[in-house]
PDB file of all heavy atoms in Angstrom:
ATOM      1  N   ASP A   1       0.830  -1.210   0.000  1.00  0.00           N
ATOM      2  CA  ASP A   1       0.000   0.000   0.000  1.00  0.00           C
ATOM      3  C   ASP A   1       0.864   1.258   0.000  1.00  0.00           C
ATOM      4  O   ASP A   1       0.553   2.232  -0.692  1.00  0.00           O
ATOM      5  CB  ASP A   1      -0.945   0.007   1.212  1.00  0.00           C
ATOM      6  CG  ASP A   1      -2.033  -1.044   1.109  1.00  0.00           C
ATOM      7  OD1 ASP A   1      -2.323  -1.498  -0.024  1.00  0.00           O
ATOM      8  OD2 ASP A   1      -2.587  -1.410   2.168  1.00  0.00           O
ATOM      9  N   TYR A   2       1.931   1.240   0.770  1.00  0.00           N
ATOM     10  CA  TYR A   2       2.847   2.376   0.814  1.00  0.00           C
ATOM     11  C   TYR A   2       3.452   2.628  -0.574  1.00  0.00           C
ATOM     12  O   TYR A   2       3.532   3.766  -1.035  1.00  0.00           O
ATOM     13  CB  TYR A   2       3.958   2.139   1.838  1.00  0.00           C
ATOM     14  CG  TYR A   2       5.009   3.212   1.825  1.00  0.00           C
ATOM     15  CD1 TYR A   2       4.793   4.419   2.475  1.00  0.00           C
ATOM     16  CD2 TYR A   2       6.204   3.030   1.133  1.00  0.00           C
ATOM     17  CE1 TYR A   2       5.756   5.423   2.444  1.00  0.00           C
ATOM     18  CE2 TYR A   2       7.164   4.023   1.095  1.00  0.00           C
ATOM     19  CZ  TYR A   2       6.934   5.217   1.761  1.00  0.00           C
ATOM     20  OH  TYR A   2       7.879   6.203   1.718  1.00  0.00           O
ATOM     21  N   VAL A   3       3.855   1.552  -1.247  1.00  0.00           N
ATOM     22  CA  VAL A   3       4.454   1.690  -2.582  1.00  0.00           C
ATOM     23  C   VAL A   3       3.426   2.258  -3.556  1.00  0.00           C
ATOM     24  O   VAL A   3       3.732   3.148  -4.353  1.00  0.00           O
ATOM     25  CB  VAL A   3       5.008   0.331  -3.069  1.00  0.00           C
ATOM     26  CG1 VAL A   3       5.396   0.395  -4.537  1.00  0.00           C
ATOM     27  CG2 VAL A   3       6.211  -0.085  -2.229  1.00  0.00           C
ATOM     28  N   ARG A   4       2.206   1.770  -3.503  1.00  0.00           N
ATOM     29  CA  ARG A   4       1.151   2.291  -4.384  1.00  0.00           C
ATOM     30  C   ARG A   4       0.941   3.792  -4.164  1.00  0.00           C
ATOM     31  O   ARG A   4       0.826   4.565  -5.116  1.00  0.00           O
ATOM     32  CB  ARG A   4      -0.159   1.550  -4.143  1.00  0.00           C
ATOM     33  CG  ARG A   4      -0.242   0.245  -4.860  1.00  0.00           C
ATOM     34  CD  ARG A   4      -1.644  -0.364  -4.769  1.00  0.00           C
ATOM     35  NE  ARG A   4      -1.523  -1.798  -4.911  1.00  0.00           N
ATOM     36  CZ  ARG A   4      -1.340  -2.662  -3.917  1.00  0.00           C
ATOM     37  NH1 ARG A   4      -1.292  -2.241  -2.673  1.00  0.00           N
ATOM     38  NH2 ARG A   4      -1.211  -3.943  -4.160  1.00  0.00           N
ATOM     39  N   GLN A   5       0.876   4.208  -2.912  1.00  0.00           N
ATOM     40  CA  GLN A   5       0.674   5.627  -2.608  1.00  0.00           C
ATOM     41  C   GLN A   5       1.857   6.464  -3.083  1.00  0.00           C
ATOM     42  O   GLN A   5       1.678   7.546  -3.647  1.00  0.00           O
ATOM     43  CB  GLN A   5       0.465   5.828  -1.110  1.00  0.00           C
ATOM     44  CG  GLN A   5      -0.862   5.330  -0.611  1.00  0.00           C
ATOM     45  CD  GLN A   5      -0.971   5.452   0.911  1.00  0.00           C
ATOM     46  OE1 GLN A   5      -0.009   5.809   1.585  1.00  0.00           O
ATOM     47  NE2 GLN A   5      -2.153   5.145   1.431  1.00  0.00           N
ATOM     48  N   ALA A   6       3.053   5.969  -2.840  1.00  0.00           N
ATOM     49  CA  ALA A   6       4.248   6.718  -3.231  1.00  0.00           C
ATOM     50  C   ALA A   6       4.340   6.850  -4.755  1.00  0.00           C
ATOM     51  O   ALA A   6       4.668   7.920  -5.276  1.00  0.00           O
ATOM     52  CB  ALA A   6       5.501   6.044  -2.677  1.00  0.00           C
ATOM     53  N   ILE A   7       4.050   5.779  -5.472  1.00  0.00           N
ATOM     54  CA  ILE A   7       4.107   5.825  -6.934  1.00  0.00           C
ATOM     55  C   ILE A   7       3.052   6.777  -7.485  1.00  0.00           C
ATOM     56  O   ILE A   7       3.311   7.527  -8.428  1.00  0.00           O
ATOM     57  CB  ILE A   7       3.948   4.406  -7.530  1.00  0.00           C
ATOM     58  CG1 ILE A   7       5.209   3.579  -7.267  1.00  0.00           C
ATOM     59  CG2 ILE A   7       3.680   4.469  -9.026  1.00  0.00           C
ATOM     60  CD1 ILE A   7       5.109   2.128  -7.709  1.00  0.00           C
ATOM     61  N   SER A   8       1.880   6.783  -6.889  1.00  0.00           N
ATOM     62  CA  SER A   8       0.814   7.660  -7.393  1.00  0.00           C
ATOM     63  C   SER A   8       1.136   9.140  -7.176  1.00  0.00           C
ATOM     64  O   SER A   8       0.638   9.990  -7.911  1.00  0.00           O
ATOM     65  CB  SER A   8      -0.516   7.309  -6.727  1.00  0.00           C
ATOM     66  OG  SER A   8      -0.493   7.662  -5.362  1.00  0.00           O
ATOM     67  N   LYS A   9       1.980   9.464  -6.200  1.00  0.00           N
ATOM     68  CA  LYS A   9       2.326  10.851  -5.906  1.00  0.00           C
ATOM     69  C   LYS A   9       3.587  11.334  -6.627  1.00  0.00           C
ATOM     70  O   LYS A   9       3.964  12.490  -6.483  1.00  0.00           O
ATOM     71  CB  LYS A   9       2.505  11.041  -4.399  1.00  0.00           C
ATOM     72  CG  LYS A   9       1.207  10.873  -3.636  1.00  0.00           C
ATOM     73  CD  LYS A   9       1.420  11.040  -2.156  1.00  0.00           C
ATOM     74  CE  LYS A   9       0.103  10.810  -1.417  1.00  0.00           C
ATOM     75  NZ  LYS A   9       0.277  10.938   0.025  1.00  0.00           N
ATOM     76  N   MET A  10       4.214  10.458  -7.405  1.00  0.00           N
ATOM     77  CA  MET A  10       5.437  10.843  -8.110  1.00  0.00           C
ATOM     78  C   MET A  10       5.103  11.753  -9.289  1.00  0.00           C
ATOM     79  O   MET A  10       3.980  11.768  -9.792  1.00  0.00           O
ATOM     80  CB  MET A  10       6.174   9.593  -8.591  1.00  0.00           C
ATOM     81  CG  MET A  10       6.749   8.784  -7.442  1.00  0.00           C
ATOM     82  SD  MET A  10       7.561   7.284  -7.956  1.00  0.00           S
ATOM     83  CE  MET A  10       9.039   7.951  -8.668  1.00  0.00           C
ATOM     84  N   GLY A  11       6.097  12.532  -9.721  1.00  0.00           N
ATOM     85  CA  GLY A  11       5.922  13.451 -10.831  1.00  0.00           C
ATOM     86  C   GLY A  11       5.734  12.731 -12.158  1.00  0.00           C
ATOM     87  O   GLY A  11       5.976  11.524 -12.271  1.00  0.00           O
ATOM     88  N   PRO A  12       5.329  13.461 -13.190  1.00  0.00           N
ATOM     89  CA  PRO A  12       5.046  12.830 -14.482  1.00  0.00           C
ATOM     90  C   PRO A  12       6.282  12.267 -15.178  1.00  0.00           C
ATOM     91  O   PRO A  12       6.174  11.304 -15.936  1.00  0.00           O
ATOM     92  CB  PRO A  12       4.425  13.962 -15.310  1.00  0.00           C
ATOM     93  CG  PRO A  12       4.836  15.217 -14.645  1.00  0.00           C
ATOM     94  CD  PRO A  12       5.043  14.890 -13.196  1.00  0.00           C
ATOM     95  N   GLU A  13       7.455  12.831 -14.927  1.00  0.00           N
ATOM     96  CA  GLU A  13       8.687  12.347 -15.562  1.00  0.00           C
ATOM     97  C   GLU A  13       9.438  11.351 -14.679  1.00  0.00           C
ATOM     98  O   GLU A  13      10.429  10.776 -15.110  1.00  0.00           O
ATOM     99  CB  GLU A  13       9.604  13.519 -15.898  1.00  0.00           C
ATOM    100  CG  GLU A  13       9.009  14.500 -16.882  1.00  0.00           C
ATOM    101  CD  GLU A  13       8.799  13.882 -18.251  1.00  0.00           C
ATOM    102  OE1 GLU A  13       9.664  13.101 -18.678  1.00  0.00           O
ATOM    103  OE2 GLU A  13       7.775  14.181 -18.880  1.00  0.00           O
ATOM    104  N   ASP A  14       9.010  11.169 -13.435  1.00  0.00           N
ATOM    105  CA  ASP A  14       9.691  10.281 -12.504  1.00  0.00           C
ATOM    106  C   ASP A  14       9.399   8.826 -12.845  1.00  0.00           C
ATOM    107  O   ASP A  14       8.339   8.489 -13.365  1.00  0.00           O
ATOM    108  CB  ASP A  14       9.263  10.581 -11.076  1.00  0.00           C
ATOM    109  CG  ASP A  14       9.662  11.985 -10.643  1.00  0.00           C
ATOM    110  OD1 ASP A  14      10.561  12.558 -11.274  1.00  0.00           O
ATOM    111  OD2 ASP A  14       9.061  12.497  -9.682  1.00  0.00           O
ATOM    112  N   GLN A  15      10.372   7.963 -12.534  1.00  0.00           N
ATOM    113  CA  GLN A  15      10.237   6.533 -12.808  1.00  0.00           C
ATOM    114  C   GLN A  15      10.337   5.758 -11.513  1.00  0.00           C
ATOM    115  O   GLN A  15      10.949   6.205 -10.547  1.00  0.00           O
ATOM    116  CB  GLN A  15      11.332   6.066 -13.762  1.00  0.00           C
ATOM    117  CG  GLN A  15      11.292   6.721 -15.107  1.00  0.00           C
ATOM    118  CD  GLN A  15      12.395   6.193 -16.009  1.00  0.00           C
ATOM    119  OE1 GLN A  15      13.248   5.419 -15.593  1.00  0.00           O
ATOM    120  NE2 GLN A  15      12.361   6.604 -17.255  1.00  0.00           N
ATOM    121  N   SER A  16       9.756   4.566 -11.522  1.00  0.00           N
ATOM    122  CA  SER A  16       9.837   3.711 -10.333  1.00  0.00           C
ATOM    123  C   SER A  16       9.932   2.256 -10.752  1.00  0.00           C
ATOM    124  O   SER A  16       9.547   1.880 -11.855  1.00  0.00           O
ATOM    125  CB  SER A  16       8.615   3.919  -9.442  1.00  0.00           C
ATOM    126  OG  SER A  16       7.448   3.531 -10.128  1.00  0.00           O
ATOM    127  N   ALA A  17      10.463   1.461  -9.844  1.00  0.00           N
ATOM    128  CA  ALA A  17      10.546   0.009 -10.020  1.00  0.00           C
ATOM    129  C   ALA A  17      10.290  -0.620  -8.659  1.00  0.00           C
ATOM    130  O   ALA A  17      10.522  -0.001  -7.618  1.00  0.00           O
ATOM    131  CB  ALA A  17      11.916  -0.405 -10.551  1.00  0.00           C
ATOM    132  N   VAL A  18       9.794  -1.851  -8.674  1.00  0.00           N
ATOM    133  CA  VAL A  18       9.522  -2.575  -7.436  1.00  0.00           C
ATOM    134  C   VAL A  18      10.211  -3.927  -7.522  1.00  0.00           C
ATOM    135  O   VAL A  18      10.090  -4.634  -8.523  1.00  0.00           O
ATOM    136  CB  VAL A  18       8.000  -2.766  -7.208  1.00  0.00           C
ATOM    137  CG1 VAL A  18       7.747  -3.546  -5.933  1.00  0.00           C
ATOM    138  CG2 VAL A  18       7.296  -1.424  -7.175  1.00  0.00           C
ATOM    139  N   ILE A  19      10.932  -4.272  -6.446  1.00  0.00           N
ATOM    140  CA  ILE A  19      11.618  -5.558  -6.356  1.00  0.00           C
ATOM    141  C   ILE A  19      11.101  -6.286  -5.129  1.00  0.00           C
ATOM    142  O   ILE A  19      11.076  -5.738  -4.032  1.00  0.00           O
ATOM    143  CB  ILE A  19      13.147  -5.356  -6.246  1.00  0.00           C
ATOM    144  CG1 ILE A  19      13.675  -4.724  -7.521  1.00  0.00           C
ATOM    145  CG2 ILE A  19      13.854  -6.673  -5.952  1.00  0.00           C
ATOM    146  CD1 ILE A  19      15.149  -4.397  -7.474  1.00  0.00           C
ATOM    147  N   ALA A  20      10.687  -7.527  -5.327  1.00  0.00           N
ATOM    148  CA  ALA A  20      10.300  -8.397  -4.216  1.00  0.00           C
ATOM    149  C   ALA A  20      11.498  -9.296  -3.925  1.00  0.00           C
ATOM    150  O   ALA A  20      12.109  -9.845  -4.840  1.00  0.00           O
ATOM    151  CB  ALA A  20       9.081  -9.226  -4.590  1.00  0.00           C
ATOM    152  N   PHE A  21      11.840  -9.425  -2.650  1.00  0.00           N
ATOM    153  CA  PHE A  21      13.006 -10.240  -2.336  1.00  0.00           C
ATOM    154  C   PHE A  21      12.740 -11.132  -1.131  1.00  0.00           C
ATOM    155  O   PHE A  21      11.897 -10.872  -0.305  1.00  0.00           O
ATOM    156  CB  PHE A  21      14.248  -9.369  -2.098  1.00  0.00           C
ATOM    157  CG  PHE A  21      14.210  -8.569  -0.824  1.00  0.00           C
ATOM    158  CD1 PHE A  21      14.804  -9.048   0.329  1.00  0.00           C
ATOM    159  CD2 PHE A  21      13.589  -7.328  -0.786  1.00  0.00           C
ATOM    160  CE1 PHE A  21      14.776  -8.308   1.502  1.00  0.00           C
ATOM    161  CE2 PHE A  21      13.558  -6.583   0.372  1.00  0.00           C
ATOM    162  CZ  PHE A  21      14.151  -7.077   1.524  1.00  0.00           C
ATOM    163  N   GLY A  22      13.473 -12.196  -1.117  1.00  0.00           N
ATOM    164  CA  GLY A  22      13.508 -13.160  -0.025  1.00  0.00           C
ATOM    165  C   GLY A  22      14.914 -13.729  -0.077  1.00  0.00           C
ATOM    166  O   GLY A  22      15.890 -13.021   0.105  1.00  0.00           O
ATOM    167  N   GLY A  23      15.030 -15.018  -0.409  1.00  0.00           N
ATOM    168  CA  GLY A  23      16.342 -15.613  -0.627  1.00  0.00           C
ATOM    169  C   GLY A  23      16.930 -15.173  -1.948  1.00  0.00           C
ATOM    170  O   GLY A  23      18.133 -15.196  -2.148  1.00  0.00           O
ATOM    171  N   ASP A  24      16.076 -14.774  -2.880  1.00  0.00           N
ATOM    172  CA  ASP A  24      16.500 -14.201  -4.151  1.00  0.00           C
ATOM    173  C   ASP A  24      15.685 -12.936  -4.401  1.00  0.00           C
ATOM    174  O   ASP A  24      14.770 -12.630  -3.649  1.00  0.00           O
ATOM    175  CB  ASP A  24      16.325 -15.210  -5.298  1.00  0.00           C
ATOM    176  CG  ASP A  24      14.907 -15.768  -5.378  1.00  0.00           C
ATOM    177  OD1 ASP A  24      14.092 -15.493  -4.469  1.00  0.00           O
ATOM    178  OD2 ASP A  24      14.603 -16.478  -6.344  1.00  0.00           O
ATOM    179  N   ALA A  25      16.035 -12.207  -5.426  1.00  0.00           N
ATOM    180  CA  ALA A  25      15.342 -10.953  -5.717  1.00  0.00           C
ATOM    181  C   ALA A  25      14.726 -11.033  -7.105  1.00  0.00           C
ATOM    182  O   ALA A  25      15.371 -11.493  -8.051  1.00  0.00           O
ATOM    183  CB  ALA A  25      16.307  -9.781  -5.644  1.00  0.00           C
ATOM    184  N   LEU A  26      13.482 -10.589  -7.221  1.00  0.00           N
ATOM    185  CA  LEU A  26      12.757 -10.620  -8.486  1.00  0.00           C
ATOM    186  C   LEU A  26      12.175  -9.251  -8.779  1.00  0.00           C
ATOM    187  O   LEU A  26      11.654  -8.580  -7.883  1.00  0.00           O
ATOM    188  CB  LEU A  26      11.629 -11.654  -8.421  1.00  0.00           C
ATOM    189  CG  LEU A  26      12.044 -13.080  -8.049  1.00  0.00           C
ATOM    190  CD1 LEU A  26      10.825 -13.942  -7.785  1.00  0.00           C
ATOM    191  CD2 LEU A  26      12.883 -13.684  -9.160  1.00  0.00           C
ATOM    192  N   VAL A  27      12.248  -8.844 -10.040  1.00  0.00           N
ATOM    193  CA  VAL A  27      11.687  -7.560 -10.441  1.00  0.00           C
ATOM    194  C   VAL A  27      10.179  -7.731 -10.579  1.00  0.00           C
ATOM    195  O   VAL A  27       9.696  -8.452 -11.452  1.00  0.00           O
ATOM    196  CB  VAL A  27      12.301  -7.055 -11.759  1.00  0.00           C
ATOM    197  CG1 VAL A  27      11.649  -5.752 -12.194  1.00  0.00           C
ATOM    198  CG2 VAL A  27      13.796  -6.874 -11.617  1.00  0.00           C
ATOM    199  N   GLU A  28       9.446  -7.087  -9.716  1.00  0.00           N
ATOM    200  CA  GLU A  28       7.982  -7.142  -9.738  1.00  0.00           C
ATOM    201  C   GLU A  28       7.421  -6.125 -10.729  1.00  0.00           C
ATOM    202  O   GLU A  28       6.457  -6.390 -11.431  1.00  0.00           O
ATOM    203  CB  GLU A  28       7.443  -6.867  -8.327  1.00  0.00           C
ATOM    204  CG  GLU A  28       5.952  -6.885  -8.210  1.00  0.00           C
ATOM    205  CD  GLU A  28       5.357  -8.262  -8.429  1.00  0.00           C
ATOM    206  OE1 GLU A  28       5.989  -9.265  -8.078  1.00  0.00           O
ATOM    207  OE2 GLU A  28       4.240  -8.317  -8.964  1.00  0.00           O
ATOM    208  N   HIS A  29       8.009  -4.954 -10.757  1.00  0.00           N
ATOM    209  CA  HIS A  29       7.564  -3.864 -11.632  1.00  0.00           C
ATOM    210  C   HIS A  29       8.824  -3.225 -12.197  1.00  0.00           C
ATOM    211  O   HIS A  29       9.603  -2.629 -11.447  1.00  0.00           O
ATOM    212  CB  HIS A  29       6.749  -2.866 -10.783  1.00  0.00           C
ATOM    213  CG  HIS A  29       6.295  -1.639 -11.492  1.00  0.00           C
ATOM    214  ND1 HIS A  29       5.343  -1.652 -12.464  1.00  0.00           N
ATOM    215  CD2 HIS A  29       6.663  -0.340 -11.360  1.00  0.00           C
ATOM    216  CE1 HIS A  29       5.137  -0.413 -12.892  1.00  0.00           C
ATOM    217  NE2 HIS A  29       5.937   0.384 -12.226  1.00  0.00           N
ATOM    218  N   PRO A  30       9.086  -3.338 -13.510  1.00  0.00           N
ATOM    219  CA  PRO A  30      10.327  -2.782 -14.065  1.00  0.00           C
ATOM    220  C   PRO A  30      10.326  -1.260 -14.036  1.00  0.00           C
ATOM    221  O   PRO A  30       9.288  -0.626 -13.882  1.00  0.00           O
ATOM    222  CB  PRO A  30      10.341  -3.308 -15.500  1.00  0.00           C
ATOM    223  CG  PRO A  30       8.925  -3.605 -15.814  1.00  0.00           C
ATOM    224  CD  PRO A  30       8.252  -3.977 -14.525  1.00  0.00           C
ATOM    225  N   MET A  31      11.499  -0.675 -14.195  1.00  0.00           N
ATOM    226  CA  MET A  31      11.650   0.779 -14.151  1.00  0.00           C
ATOM    227  C   MET A  31      10.844   1.403 -15.283  1.00  0.00           C
ATOM    228  O   MET A  31      11.095   1.144 -16.458  1.00  0.00           O
ATOM    229  CB  MET A  31      13.127   1.157 -14.287  1.00  0.00           C
ATOM    230  CG  MET A  31      13.422   2.619 -14.093  1.00  0.00           C
ATOM    231  SD  MET A  31      13.143   3.231 -12.432  1.00  0.00           S
ATOM    232  CE  MET A  31      14.472   2.487 -11.517  1.00  0.00           C
ATOM    233  N   SER A  32       9.853   2.202 -14.912  1.00  0.00           N
ATOM    234  CA  SER A  32       9.027   2.891 -15.902  1.00  0.00           C
ATOM    235  C   SER A  32       8.348   4.088 -15.246  1.00  0.00           C
ATOM    236  O   SER A  32       8.341   4.221 -14.021  1.00  0.00           O
ATOM    237  CB  SER A  32       7.980   1.946 -16.491  1.00  0.00           C
ATOM    238  OG  SER A  32       6.999   1.636 -15.529  1.00  0.00           O
ATOM    239  N   ALA A  33       7.740   4.919 -16.068  1.00  0.00           N
ATOM    240  CA  ALA A  33       7.023   6.093 -15.574  1.00  0.00           C
ATOM    241  C   ALA A  33       5.560   5.762 -15.276  1.00  0.00           C
ATOM    242  O   ALA A  33       4.801   6.645 -14.895  1.00  0.00           O
ATOM    243  CB  ALA A  33       7.111   7.221 -16.591  1.00  0.00           C
ATOM    244  N   SER A  34       5.189   4.510 -15.410  1.00  0.00           N
ATOM    245  CA  SER A  34       3.808   4.090 -15.153  1.00  0.00           C
ATOM    246  C   SER A  34       3.458   4.290 -13.678  1.00  0.00           C
ATOM    247  O   SER A  34       4.253   4.001 -12.790  1.00  0.00           O
ATOM    248  CB  SER A  34       3.633   2.619 -15.529  1.00  0.00           C
ATOM    249  OG  SER A  34       2.385   2.144 -15.090  1.00  0.00           O
ATOM    250  N   LYS A  35       2.261   4.775 -13.431  1.00  0.00           N
ATOM    251  CA  LYS A  35       1.805   5.023 -12.061  1.00  0.00           C
ATOM    252  C   LYS A  35       0.931   3.883 -11.540  1.00  0.00           C
ATOM    253  O   LYS A  35       0.327   3.981 -10.493  1.00  0.00           O
ATOM    254  CB  LYS A  35       1.004   6.338 -11.991  1.00  0.00           C
ATOM    255  CG  LYS A  35       1.762   7.540 -12.504  1.00  0.00           C
ATOM    256  CD  LYS A  35       2.969   7.826 -11.660  1.00  0.00           C
ATOM    257  CE  LYS A  35       3.701   9.037 -12.165  1.00  0.00           C
ATOM    258  NZ  LYS A  35       5.108   8.835 -12.365  1.00  0.00           N
ATOM    259  N   GLU A  36       0.882   2.793 -12.277  1.00  0.00           N
ATOM    260  CA  GLU A  36       0.068   1.642 -11.881  1.00  0.00           C
ATOM    261  C   GLU A  36       0.942   0.583 -11.211  1.00  0.00           C
ATOM    262  O   GLU A  36       1.997   0.223 -11.717  1.00  0.00           O
ATOM    263  CB  GLU A  36      -0.606   1.027 -13.110  1.00  0.00           C
ATOM    264  CG  GLU A  36      -1.543   1.974 -13.830  1.00  0.00           C
ATOM    265  CD  GLU A  36      -2.731   2.366 -12.983  1.00  0.00           C
ATOM    266  OE1 GLU A  36      -3.272   1.499 -12.274  1.00  0.00           O
ATOM    267  OE2 GLU A  36      -3.110   3.546 -13.028  1.00  0.00           O
ATOM    268  N   PHE A  37       0.478   0.102 -10.080  1.00  0.00           N
ATOM    269  CA  PHE A  37       1.131  -1.023  -9.409  1.00  0.00           C
ATOM    270  C   PHE A  37       0.033  -1.877  -8.810  1.00  0.00           C
ATOM    271  O   PHE A  37      -0.635  -1.479  -7.869  1.00  0.00           O
ATOM    272  CB  PHE A  37       2.107  -0.538  -8.328  1.00  0.00           C
ATOM    273  CG  PHE A  37       2.733  -1.654  -7.544  1.00  0.00           C
ATOM    274  CD1 PHE A  37       3.533  -2.583  -8.168  1.00  0.00           C
ATOM    275  CD2 PHE A  37       2.507  -1.782  -6.181  1.00  0.00           C
ATOM    276  CE1 PHE A  37       4.110  -3.620  -7.452  1.00  0.00           C
ATOM    277  CE2 PHE A  37       3.073  -2.812  -5.460  1.00  0.00           C
ATOM    278  CZ  PHE A  37       3.880  -3.732  -6.095  1.00  0.00           C
ATOM    279  N   GLY A  38      -0.164  -3.057  -9.378  1.00  0.00           N
ATOM    280  CA  GLY A  38      -1.224  -3.952  -8.912  1.00  0.00           C
ATOM    281  C   GLY A  38      -0.740  -4.861  -7.805  1.00  0.00           C
ATOM    282  O   GLY A  38       0.156  -4.523  -7.030  1.00  0.00           O
ATOM    283  N   GLU A  39      -1.324  -6.013  -7.725  1.00  0.00           N
ATOM    284  CA  GLU A  39      -0.939  -7.011  -6.729  1.00  0.00           C
ATOM    285  C   GLU A  39       0.394  -7.637  -7.100  1.00  0.00           C
ATOM    286  O   GLU A  39       0.735  -7.776  -8.271  1.00  0.00           O
ATOM    287  CB  GLU A  39      -2.010  -8.108  -6.638  1.00  0.00           C
ATOM    288  CG  GLU A  39      -3.344  -7.613  -6.119  1.00  0.00           C
ATOM    289  CD  GLU A  39      -3.257  -7.096  -4.695  1.00  0.00           C
ATOM    290  OE1 GLU A  39      -2.584  -7.750  -3.869  1.00  0.00           O
ATOM    291  OE2 GLU A  39      -3.842  -6.045  -4.434  1.00  0.00           O
ATOM    292  N   MET A  40       1.139  -8.041  -6.080  1.00  0.00           N
ATOM    293  CA  MET A  40       2.421  -8.699  -6.320  1.00  0.00           C
ATOM    294  C   MET A  40       2.177 -10.124  -6.793  1.00  0.00           C
ATOM    295  O   MET A  40       1.387 -10.856  -6.197  1.00  0.00           O
ATOM    296  CB  MET A  40       3.275  -8.691  -5.052  1.00  0.00           C
ATOM    297  CG  MET A  40       3.822  -7.322  -4.748  1.00  0.00           C
ATOM    298  SD  MET A  40       4.987  -7.271  -3.379  1.00  0.00           S
ATOM    299  CE  MET A  40       6.045  -8.631  -3.652  1.00  0.00           C
ATOM    300  N   THR A  41       2.866 -10.500  -7.864  1.00  0.00           N
ATOM    301  CA  THR A  41       2.728 -11.849  -8.403  1.00  0.00           C
ATOM    302  C   THR A  41       4.014 -12.655  -8.280  1.00  0.00           C
ATOM    303  O   THR A  41       3.985 -13.872  -8.409  1.00  0.00           O
ATOM    304  CB  THR A  41       2.304 -11.797  -9.879  1.00  0.00           C
ATOM    305  OG1 THR A  41       3.274 -11.038 -10.611  1.00  0.00           O
ATOM    306  CG2 THR A  41       0.933 -11.149 -10.030  1.00  0.00           C
ATOM    307  N   SER A  42       5.133 -11.996  -8.042  1.00  0.00           N
ATOM    308  CA  SER A  42       6.410 -12.706  -7.908  1.00  0.00           C
ATOM    309  C   SER A  42       6.453 -13.455  -6.590  1.00  0.00           C
ATOM    310  O   SER A  42       5.968 -12.980  -5.565  1.00  0.00           O
ATOM    311  CB  SER A  42       7.582 -11.718  -7.955  1.00  0.00           C
ATOM    312  OG  SER A  42       7.602 -11.056  -9.184  1.00  0.00           O
ATOM    313  N   ILE A  43       7.067 -14.635  -6.634  1.00  0.00           N
ATOM    314  CA  ILE A  43       7.193 -15.447  -5.429  1.00  0.00           C
ATOM    315  C   ILE A  43       8.669 -15.797  -5.243  1.00  0.00           C
ATOM    316  O   ILE A  43       9.149 -16.799  -5.751  1.00  0.00           O
ATOM    317  CB  ILE A  43       6.351 -16.736  -5.521  1.00  0.00           C
ATOM    318  CG1 ILE A  43       4.897 -16.387  -5.811  1.00  0.00           C
ATOM    319  CG2 ILE A  43       6.472 -17.544  -4.236  1.00  0.00           C
ATOM    320  CD1 ILE A  43       4.036 -17.585  -6.119  1.00  0.00           C
ATOM    321  N   PRO A  44       9.396 -14.957  -4.521  1.00  0.00           N
ATOM    322  CA  PRO A  44      10.800 -15.280  -4.259  1.00  0.00           C
ATOM    323  C   PRO A  44      10.917 -16.386  -3.210  1.00  0.00           C
ATOM    324  O   PRO A  44       9.938 -16.741  -2.555  1.00  0.00           O
ATOM    325  CB  PRO A  44      11.380 -13.961  -3.745  1.00  0.00           C
ATOM    326  CG  PRO A  44      10.214 -13.214  -3.228  1.00  0.00           C
ATOM    327  CD  PRO A  44       9.010 -13.672  -3.988  1.00  0.00           C
ATOM    328  N   ASP A  45      12.119 -16.909  -3.044  1.00  0.00           N
ATOM    329  CA  ASP A  45      12.394 -17.920  -2.031  1.00  0.00           C
ATOM    330  C   ASP A  45      12.096 -17.312  -0.666  1.00  0.00           C
ATOM    331  O   ASP A  45      12.807 -16.431  -0.193  1.00  0.00           O
ATOM    332  CB  ASP A  45      13.860 -18.350  -2.132  1.00  0.00           C
ATOM    333  CG  ASP A  45      14.269 -19.332  -1.056  1.00  0.00           C
ATOM    334  OD1 ASP A  45      13.379 -19.961  -0.451  1.00  0.00           O
ATOM    335  OD2 ASP A  45      15.479 -19.466  -0.818  1.00  0.00           O
ATOM    336  N   ALA A  46      11.020 -17.763  -0.025  1.00  0.00           N
ATOM    337  CA  ALA A  46      10.551 -17.146   1.218  1.00  0.00           C
ATOM    338  C   ALA A  46      11.276 -17.677   2.453  1.00  0.00           C
ATOM    339  O   ALA A  46      11.083 -17.157   3.550  1.00  0.00           O
ATOM    340  CB  ALA A  46       9.049 -17.376   1.368  1.00  0.00           C
TER     341      ALA A  46
END
């Protein structure tokens, strides 16, 4: 929820990416200017 709020408040030229990590790290949302971030689908080694 924090990530969703932060991404929605970013400027129009700003970019964001989301990484889910556990034992390994997976790119959940690649670096882009998109303001959409849905549910996490990546399943790292928990």
